[in-house]
Amino acid sequence: MYKGLFIDDQKEDDYIARYLSSKEQNLQVDFRMPDKELLELAEEVIKYKPAILALDYRLDERPAGKDNPNRYKAGPLAQQLRDHAVEMPAEDFPIILVSHEGKIRQFFDPDLTVKDLFDRVYSKESVTDEQARHVKEIVSLVKGYSQIIKSLEIAKDRRLMHLLDIAEEEGSNFEHQDLQIINGYMAPHQIARDIFKKIIDRQGLLLDKDNVVAVLGVDSKAIDLDNLFIKLAENKINYSGVFSDGWDRWWAHRISNYGKKLCGKAFGNLNAEERVTCLNNSYNLKLSPAKSRWTARVDSLYAFACSSCRQPTEIEYSVQAYEPISYEFMQKRRICWTCVQTGEYAEKSLRINTADMFIAKKIQNGEIKN
C-alpha cells in the first residue's frame, strides 16, 4: 500500500485526502495540519517518507495555535523537501499542489518562482469531480519516481532512453542537447520535471489522442475509433515509458514510419480521405475522415489538433499561438481560423503570436471568410 500525505490548514477540507486515496490503486493518503514551524514540518515529512505529498497552496490562512507557527505557503515547504532530495536522491518523492481553483488562479499561477517545485497541479474541485483520472495519474507519479530512482544506477548516456523505453535504433530522435541535459540530472524531481515539460506535456516527440486522430485524418467521433487505437497498440505505436500508465501518449516518429509501411507514404503526404481509406482497407474498419472546420472538406492535409478546439487542423488555415518557451523538437501550438473567428481561443487562455496577428485581424474583421 502506498502511503501519502495531504497537508492543509483548512480542517474542513480533510475530505480531499479521501478523494486522493484508492483501495483499487493501493493508495492511502492521510490528512495533516501544518501545525509546526517550516523546518520542523519538513523534517517530519522526510521521516514519514511519503510515496506522494499533496499540499494546499495557502498553509498560512488559519493560525495553528496561539504561536501561529504556520507562517508559510506551500512553496517554501516544497523547496525544503526538494533541497533535501538533491542531497539524498533516493529519498525523493512526487509533490503535487491541490488547492481551490480560485486560489490557484489568484496566488499560484502568478508565482513563477514555485512552479517547478510541483509535479502536477490539481484543483480541489477537479479532484472530487474526476477522482479516477487523478488517482490514476498520482499512482503513476509514485511508480515513475521509483523507476527514476532505480535509473540513477544506469550509465548517464543511456538513462533517458531507458526511462522512455526506446530502442537503440530510435536514439537519433533524442540527440537534442535540451533532451540530453536530462541525463545529467541527479535528483529524480529534476528528471521528472523535464520529461513532463519537454516530452509528455508537449506535442512533438509524443502526441496525445487528439493529435494522433488529427495526424491520421480521422473524425474524432468516428465509428471504430477505439478499434483503430487497438491496432496502434498492436503495432507498438504507444508510449510505454515512465509515467505512461497515467498519461496516454503515442510516438510521432513511429506513426510516421507506420504510415509509410501501411500506406506506402507518410500520413503527412496523404490527405485525410486517403489516410482513412488506407486505414479502413488495411484493417476492415469503418472510419470516416475528419471534416475541416474552416472549409468543410474531407480531403484536407491535417497536421495537428487545434490548441483551442482540439479538432484536426491544417497549417494553411491556422495561426501560431504565442508561447514564451519552445524547443526545436516540440510542435508549435496553433489555433484554427474558426476559433480565431469565433473568439473561442481566448476562452482557453490562448494568445495569438504577433507574427500572425495581421491574418487574425483580417479573419475577425470578416476580410477573410470561409
Protein backbone atom coordinates (compact mmCIF):
# COMPACT_ATOMS: atom_id res chain seq x y z
CA MET A 1 0.00 0.00 0.00
CA TYR A 2 1.39 3.40 -0.98
CA LYS A 3 1.18 5.93 1.85
CA GLY A 4 0.78 9.62 1.11
CA LEU A 5 0.18 12.90 2.94
CA PHE A 6 -2.15 15.82 2.27
CA ILE A 7 -1.27 18.98 4.21
CA ASP A 8 -3.81 21.78 4.53
CA ASP A 9 -4.59 24.35 7.20
CA GLN A 10 -8.34 24.03 6.47
CA LYS A 11 -9.55 21.13 8.66
CA GLU A 12 -12.88 21.02 6.84
CA ASP A 13 -11.01 20.11 3.64
CA ASP A 14 -9.66 16.87 5.08
CA TYR A 15 -12.10 15.05 2.77
CA ILE A 16 -9.66 15.73 -0.07
CA ALA A 17 -7.33 13.09 1.41
CA ARG A 18 -10.10 10.53 0.94
CA TYR A 19 -10.57 11.55 -2.69
CA LEU A 20 -6.84 11.16 -3.28
CA SER A 21 -6.96 7.64 -1.83
CA SER A 22 -7.97 4.45 -3.61
CA LYS A 23 -8.13 0.85 -2.42
CA GLU A 24 -8.07 -0.36 -6.02
CA GLN A 25 -4.84 1.56 -6.66
CA ASN A 26 -3.33 0.68 -3.25
CA LEU A 27 -3.04 4.33 -2.28
CA GLN A 28 -3.82 5.70 1.18
CA VAL A 29 -3.43 9.44 1.70
CA ASP A 30 -3.59 10.80 5.25
CA PHE A 31 -4.52 14.34 6.25
CA ARG A 32 -2.23 16.57 8.31
CA MET A 33 -2.38 20.14 9.55
CA PRO A 34 0.66 22.44 9.17
CA ASP A 35 1.00 22.87 12.93
CA LYS A 36 4.80 23.14 13.11
CA GLU A 37 7.46 25.63 12.07
CA LEU A 38 8.58 25.23 8.48
CA LEU A 39 11.84 23.35 9.07
CA GLU A 40 10.33 21.13 11.73
CA LEU A 41 7.40 20.17 9.49
CA ALA A 42 9.79 19.46 6.61
CA GLU A 43 11.80 17.13 8.86
CA GLU A 44 8.64 15.28 9.90
CA VAL A 45 7.58 14.83 6.27
CA ILE A 46 11.02 13.46 5.38
CA LYS A 47 10.87 10.99 8.27
CA TYR A 48 7.36 9.94 7.22
CA LYS A 49 8.75 9.00 3.77
CA PRO A 50 5.52 9.57 1.85
CA ALA A 51 5.03 7.93 -1.53
CA ILE A 52 3.45 11.23 -2.53
CA LEU A 53 2.90 14.61 -0.88
CA ALA A 54 -0.08 16.84 -1.67
CA LEU A 55 -0.08 20.45 -0.48
CA ASP A 56 -2.69 23.17 -0.41
CA TYR A 57 -1.15 26.43 -1.62
CA ARG A 58 -2.18 28.58 1.35
CA LEU A 59 -0.93 26.90 4.52
CA ASP A 60 -0.93 30.20 6.40
CA GLU A 61 -4.56 31.31 6.41
CA ARG A 62 -5.51 29.75 9.74
CA PRO A 63 -3.14 30.01 12.72
CA ALA A 64 -2.26 26.58 14.15
CA GLY A 65 -2.48 27.64 17.77
CA LYS A 66 -1.51 30.74 19.72
CA ASP A 67 2.10 30.74 18.47
CA ASN A 68 0.97 30.66 14.84
CA PRO A 69 3.89 28.54 13.55
CA ASN A 70 2.45 28.12 10.03
CA ARG A 71 3.59 31.42 8.53
CA TYR A 72 4.47 29.87 5.17
CA LYS A 73 2.84 28.79 1.94
CA ALA A 74 3.32 25.54 0.01
CA GLY A 75 6.31 26.86 -1.97
CA PRO A 76 8.82 27.21 0.90
CA LEU A 77 7.87 23.79 2.28
CA ALA A 78 8.25 22.15 -1.14
CA GLN A 79 11.60 23.92 -1.59
CA GLN A 80 12.94 22.48 1.67
CA LEU A 81 11.95 18.98 0.56
CA ARG A 82 13.43 19.42 -2.92
CA ASP A 83 16.71 20.71 -1.42
CA HIS A 84 16.88 17.57 0.71
CA ALA A 85 16.26 15.40 -2.37
CA VAL A 86 19.22 16.96 -4.20
CA GLU A 87 21.45 15.67 -1.38
CA MET A 88 19.54 12.38 -0.94
CA PRO A 89 18.09 11.43 -4.35
CA ALA A 90 16.86 8.02 -3.17
CA GLU A 91 14.53 9.79 -0.71
CA ASP A 92 12.85 11.98 -3.36
CA PHE A 93 9.10 11.73 -3.91
CA PRO A 94 6.47 13.50 -6.06
CA ILE A 95 4.90 16.68 -4.72
CA ILE A 96 1.57 17.90 -6.10
CA LEU A 97 -0.42 21.04 -5.41
CA VAL A 98 -4.10 20.54 -4.54
CA SER A 99 -5.88 23.81 -3.89
CA HIS A 100 -9.15 25.57 -4.61
CA GLU A 101 -9.41 26.78 -8.20
CA GLY A 102 -9.68 30.42 -7.14
CA LYS A 103 -6.51 30.22 -5.04
CA ILE A 104 -4.59 28.60 -7.89
CA ARG A 105 -5.55 31.45 -10.23
CA GLN A 106 -5.06 34.21 -7.66
CA PHE A 107 -1.92 33.08 -5.87
CA PHE A 108 -0.17 30.12 -7.54
CA ASP A 109 -0.39 30.99 -11.25
CA PRO A 110 1.28 34.42 -10.85
CA ASP A 111 4.04 32.97 -8.63
CA LEU A 112 6.57 31.89 -11.27
CA THR A 113 9.20 31.03 -8.66
CA VAL A 114 7.41 27.93 -7.33
CA LYS A 115 6.00 26.22 -10.42
CA ASP A 116 8.94 23.85 -10.95
CA LEU A 117 8.64 22.57 -7.38
CA PHE A 118 5.42 20.68 -8.13
CA ASP A 119 4.96 17.70 -10.42
CA ARG A 120 1.26 18.41 -11.01
CA VAL A 121 -1.33 21.00 -10.05
CA TYR A 122 -4.94 19.97 -9.32
CA SER A 123 -7.89 21.96 -8.11
CA LYS A 124 -9.87 20.54 -5.22
CA GLU A 125 -12.95 20.81 -7.41
CA SER A 126 -11.45 18.62 -10.14
CA VAL A 127 -10.18 16.06 -7.62
CA THR A 128 -13.74 15.46 -6.46
CA ASP A 129 -15.22 15.55 -9.99
CA GLU A 130 -12.58 13.42 -11.73
CA GLN A 131 -11.27 11.25 -8.92
CA ALA A 132 -10.49 8.15 -11.00
CA ARG A 133 -8.36 10.04 -13.54
CA HIS A 134 -6.46 11.99 -10.89
CA VAL A 135 -5.75 8.95 -8.73
CA LYS A 136 -4.51 7.11 -11.82
CA GLU A 137 -2.09 9.95 -12.53
CA ILE A 138 -0.97 10.20 -8.91
CA VAL A 139 -0.15 6.50 -8.69
CA SER A 140 1.70 6.83 -11.99
CA LEU A 141 3.79 9.59 -10.41
CA VAL A 142 4.60 7.31 -7.47
CA LYS A 143 5.65 4.44 -9.73
CA GLY A 144 7.51 6.80 -12.04
CA TYR A 145 9.65 8.23 -9.25
CA SER A 146 10.57 4.69 -8.23
CA GLN A 147 11.65 3.98 -11.83
CA ILE A 148 13.69 7.17 -11.97
CA ILE A 149 15.46 6.42 -8.67
CA LYS A 150 16.43 2.97 -9.98
CA SER A 151 17.60 4.51 -13.26
CA LEU A 152 20.22 6.57 -11.40
CA GLU A 153 22.30 3.38 -11.31
CA ILE A 154 22.34 3.22 -15.13
CA ALA A 155 25.09 4.88 -17.18
CA LYS A 156 24.15 8.51 -17.80
CA ASP A 157 24.25 8.29 -21.59
CA ARG A 158 21.61 5.52 -21.54
CA ARG A 159 19.36 6.75 -18.74
CA LEU A 160 16.82 8.75 -20.78
CA MET A 161 16.38 6.06 -23.43
CA HIS A 162 15.85 3.52 -20.66
CA LEU A 163 13.23 5.67 -18.95
CA LEU A 164 11.41 6.35 -22.23
CA ASP A 165 11.60 2.65 -23.20
CA ILE A 166 13.18 3.46 -26.55
CA ALA A 167 15.11 1.02 -28.75
CA GLU A 168 18.75 1.68 -29.68
CA GLU A 169 17.91 2.33 -33.34
CA GLU A 170 15.49 5.10 -32.33
CA GLY A 171 18.14 7.02 -30.39
CA SER A 172 18.74 9.59 -33.14
CA ASN A 173 15.36 11.16 -32.29
CA PHE A 174 16.69 12.14 -28.85
CA GLU A 175 20.09 13.63 -29.60
CA HIS A 176 18.93 17.20 -28.96
CA GLN A 177 21.04 18.98 -26.34
CA ASP A 178 17.92 20.12 -24.49
CA LEU A 179 16.94 16.47 -24.03
CA GLN A 180 20.39 15.11 -23.29
CA ILE A 181 20.68 17.52 -20.36
CA ILE A 182 18.15 15.26 -18.58
CA ASN A 183 20.82 12.54 -18.39
CA GLY A 184 22.96 14.83 -16.25
CA TYR A 185 20.38 15.42 -13.52
CA MET A 186 20.80 13.51 -10.27
CA ALA A 187 17.60 14.41 -8.40
CA PRO A 188 14.51 12.45 -9.53
CA HIS A 189 12.27 15.53 -9.41
CA GLN A 190 14.57 17.31 -11.88
CA ILE A 191 14.37 14.39 -14.30
CA ALA A 192 10.59 14.10 -13.87
CA ARG A 193 10.16 17.85 -14.41
CA ASP A 194 11.94 17.85 -17.76
CA ILE A 195 10.30 14.66 -19.01
CA PHE A 196 6.90 16.23 -18.39
CA LYS A 197 7.81 19.71 -19.61
CA LYS A 198 9.63 18.66 -22.79
CA ILE A 199 8.08 15.32 -23.74
CA ILE A 200 4.80 14.29 -22.09
CA ASP A 201 3.05 17.64 -21.70
CA ARG A 202 4.05 18.96 -25.13
CA GLN A 203 3.24 17.72 -28.62
CA GLY A 204 6.31 16.82 -30.63
CA LEU A 205 8.14 13.63 -29.78
CA LEU A 206 4.92 12.31 -28.27
CA LEU A 207 1.34 13.03 -29.35
CA ASP A 208 -1.85 12.95 -27.29
CA LYS A 209 -5.00 11.28 -28.58
CA ASP A 210 -6.42 14.40 -30.26
CA ASN A 211 -3.21 14.92 -32.22
CA VAL A 212 -2.99 11.25 -33.22
CA VAL A 213 -6.55 11.46 -34.55
CA ALA A 214 -5.57 14.60 -36.50
CA VAL A 215 -2.42 13.05 -37.98
CA LEU A 216 -4.46 10.02 -39.08
CA GLY A 217 -7.13 12.32 -40.57
CA VAL A 218 -9.95 10.59 -38.72
CA ASP A 219 -13.20 12.11 -37.46
CA SER A 220 -12.90 12.21 -33.65
CA LYS A 221 -16.41 10.72 -33.35
CA ALA A 222 -15.93 8.05 -35.99
CA ILE A 223 -17.18 4.51 -35.61
CA ASP A 224 -14.32 2.08 -34.99
CA LEU A 225 -12.05 4.74 -33.46
CA ASP A 226 -11.44 2.51 -30.42
CA ASN A 227 -10.58 -0.39 -32.73
CA LEU A 228 -8.10 1.82 -34.57
CA PHE A 229 -6.28 2.56 -31.31
CA ILE A 230 -6.19 -1.17 -30.58
CA LYS A 231 -4.37 -1.59 -33.90
CA LEU A 232 -1.95 1.18 -32.97
CA ALA A 233 -1.19 -0.64 -29.72
CA GLU A 234 -0.61 -3.90 -31.59
CA ASN A 235 1.92 -2.09 -33.76
CA LYS A 236 3.69 -0.67 -30.69
CA ILE A 237 2.92 2.96 -31.51
CA ASN A 238 2.04 3.60 -27.85
CA TYR A 239 4.38 5.26 -25.40
CA SER A 240 5.35 2.71 -22.74
CA GLY A 241 7.98 4.61 -20.77
CA VAL A 242 7.96 6.32 -17.39
CA PHE A 243 4.57 7.82 -16.38
CA SER A 244 2.86 6.10 -19.35
CA ASP A 245 0.29 4.40 -17.13
CA GLY A 246 -1.01 7.83 -16.10
CA TRP A 247 -0.75 9.71 -19.41
CA ASP A 248 -1.70 8.06 -22.73
CA ARG A 249 0.68 9.12 -25.48
CA TRP A 250 1.86 7.86 -28.88
CA TRP A 251 5.26 8.24 -30.58
CA ALA A 252 5.20 10.68 -33.51
CA HIS A 253 8.14 9.06 -35.32
CA ARG A 254 6.56 5.62 -35.03
CA ILE A 255 3.31 6.93 -36.51
CA SER A 256 5.25 8.37 -39.44
CA ASN A 257 7.03 5.05 -40.06
CA TYR A 258 3.75 3.22 -39.59
CA GLY A 259 2.14 5.29 -42.37
CA LYS A 260 4.96 4.53 -44.79
CA LYS A 261 4.70 0.81 -44.04
CA LEU A 262 0.90 0.68 -44.20
CA CYS A 263 0.10 3.14 -47.00
CA GLY A 264 3.35 3.45 -48.91
CA LYS A 265 3.65 7.11 -47.87
CA ALA A 266 3.90 9.03 -44.61
CA PHE A 267 0.46 10.18 -43.45
CA GLY A 268 1.56 13.79 -43.98
CA ASN A 269 1.80 13.16 -47.71
CA LEU A 270 -1.80 11.94 -47.92
CA ASN A 271 -4.99 13.93 -47.44
CA ALA A 272 -7.48 12.92 -44.75
CA GLU A 273 -9.68 10.94 -47.14
CA GLU A 274 -6.67 8.98 -48.44
CA ARG A 275 -5.38 8.28 -44.92
CA VAL A 276 -8.75 6.95 -43.77
CA THR A 277 -9.22 4.85 -46.92
CA CYS A 278 -5.84 3.25 -46.27
CA LEU A 279 -6.70 2.50 -42.64
CA ASN A 280 -10.14 1.12 -43.49
CA ASN A 281 -8.78 -1.12 -46.25
CA SER A 282 -5.90 -2.35 -44.11
CA TYR A 283 -7.97 -3.26 -41.06
CA ASN A 284 -11.52 -3.62 -42.37
CA LEU A 285 -12.67 -0.65 -40.31
CA LYS A 286 -15.45 1.88 -40.88
CA LEU A 287 -13.66 5.10 -40.05
CA SER A 288 -14.75 8.41 -41.56
CA PRO A 289 -12.40 11.28 -42.48
CA ALA A 290 -12.41 14.47 -40.42
CA LYS A 291 -14.21 17.44 -41.90
CA SER A 292 -12.32 20.75 -41.84
CA ARG A 293 -13.91 23.31 -39.54
CA TRP A 294 -12.95 26.05 -42.00
CA THR A 295 -13.55 24.55 -45.47
CA ALA A 296 -15.89 21.65 -44.54
CA ARG A 297 -13.78 19.45 -46.86
CA VAL A 298 -12.65 15.91 -46.07
CA ASP A 299 -9.56 15.94 -48.31
CA SER A 300 -7.57 18.30 -46.08
CA LEU A 301 -3.91 17.90 -45.13
CA TYR A 302 -4.27 17.81 -41.36
CA ALA A 303 -1.07 18.13 -39.34
CA PHE A 304 -2.18 18.61 -35.72
CA ALA A 305 -5.09 19.31 -33.41
CA CYS A 306 -6.05 22.94 -32.85
CA SER A 307 -4.82 24.06 -29.43
CA SER A 308 -8.23 25.61 -28.79
CA CYS A 309 -10.99 23.32 -30.12
CA ARG A 310 -8.76 20.20 -30.33
CA GLN A 311 -10.09 19.35 -33.80
CA PRO A 312 -7.91 18.27 -36.77
CA THR A 313 -6.40 21.39 -38.32
CA GLU A 314 -4.43 22.38 -41.43
CA ILE A 315 -1.36 24.60 -41.28
CA GLU A 316 -2.73 26.85 -44.04
CA TYR A 317 -5.92 27.56 -42.07
CA SER A 318 -4.37 28.23 -38.67
CA VAL A 319 -2.29 30.85 -36.87
CA GLN A 320 0.56 30.36 -34.44
CA ALA A 321 -0.23 30.70 -30.75
CA TYR A 322 2.04 32.73 -28.51
CA GLU A 323 4.27 30.66 -26.26
CA PRO A 324 7.30 32.00 -24.39
CA ILE A 325 9.40 28.82 -24.47
CA SER A 326 9.65 26.15 -27.16
CA TYR A 327 12.30 23.71 -28.33
CA GLU A 328 13.02 22.56 -31.87
CA PHE A 329 11.65 19.07 -31.20
CA MET A 330 8.33 20.48 -29.97
CA GLN A 331 5.29 21.02 -32.16
CA LYS A 332 4.35 24.69 -32.19
CA ARG A 333 0.91 25.41 -30.79
CA ARG A 334 -1.52 26.64 -33.43
CA ILE A 335 -5.11 27.91 -33.46
CA CYS A 336 -7.52 27.13 -36.30
CA TRP A 337 -9.08 30.03 -38.22
CA THR A 338 -12.55 29.05 -36.99
CA CYS A 339 -11.52 29.53 -33.35
CA VAL A 340 -9.96 32.86 -34.31
CA GLN A 341 -13.23 33.88 -36.00
CA THR A 342 -15.42 32.87 -33.06
CA GLY A 343 -13.02 34.00 -30.34
CA GLU A 344 -13.05 30.54 -28.74
CA TYR A 345 -9.27 30.59 -28.33
CA ALA A 346 -9.43 33.45 -25.80
CA GLU A 347 -11.67 31.35 -23.55
CA LYS A 348 -8.84 28.79 -23.38
CA SER A 349 -6.37 31.48 -22.24
CA LEU A 350 -4.54 31.29 -25.59
CA ARG A 351 -2.98 34.28 -27.32
CA ILE A 352 -2.08 34.73 -30.97
CA ASN A 353 1.57 35.17 -31.90
CA THR A 354 2.35 38.70 -33.02
CA ALA A 355 3.66 37.40 -36.36
CA ASP A 356 0.18 36.10 -37.25
CA MET A 357 -1.84 38.95 -35.77
CA PHE A 358 -2.33 40.58 -39.20
CA ILE A 359 -4.09 37.46 -40.53
CA ALA A 360 -6.08 37.06 -37.31
CA LYS A 361 -7.43 40.60 -37.55
CA LYS A 362 -8.49 40.03 -41.14
CA ILE A 363 -10.43 36.94 -40.06
CA GLN A 364 -12.01 38.76 -37.11
CA ASN A 365 -12.93 41.74 -39.31
CA GLY A 366 -14.57 39.49 -41.90
CA GLU A 367 -11.99 40.26 -44.59
CA ILE A 368 -11.14 36.53 -44.73
CA LYS A 369 -14.22 34.31 -44.78
CA ASN A 370 -14.87 30.60 -45.00
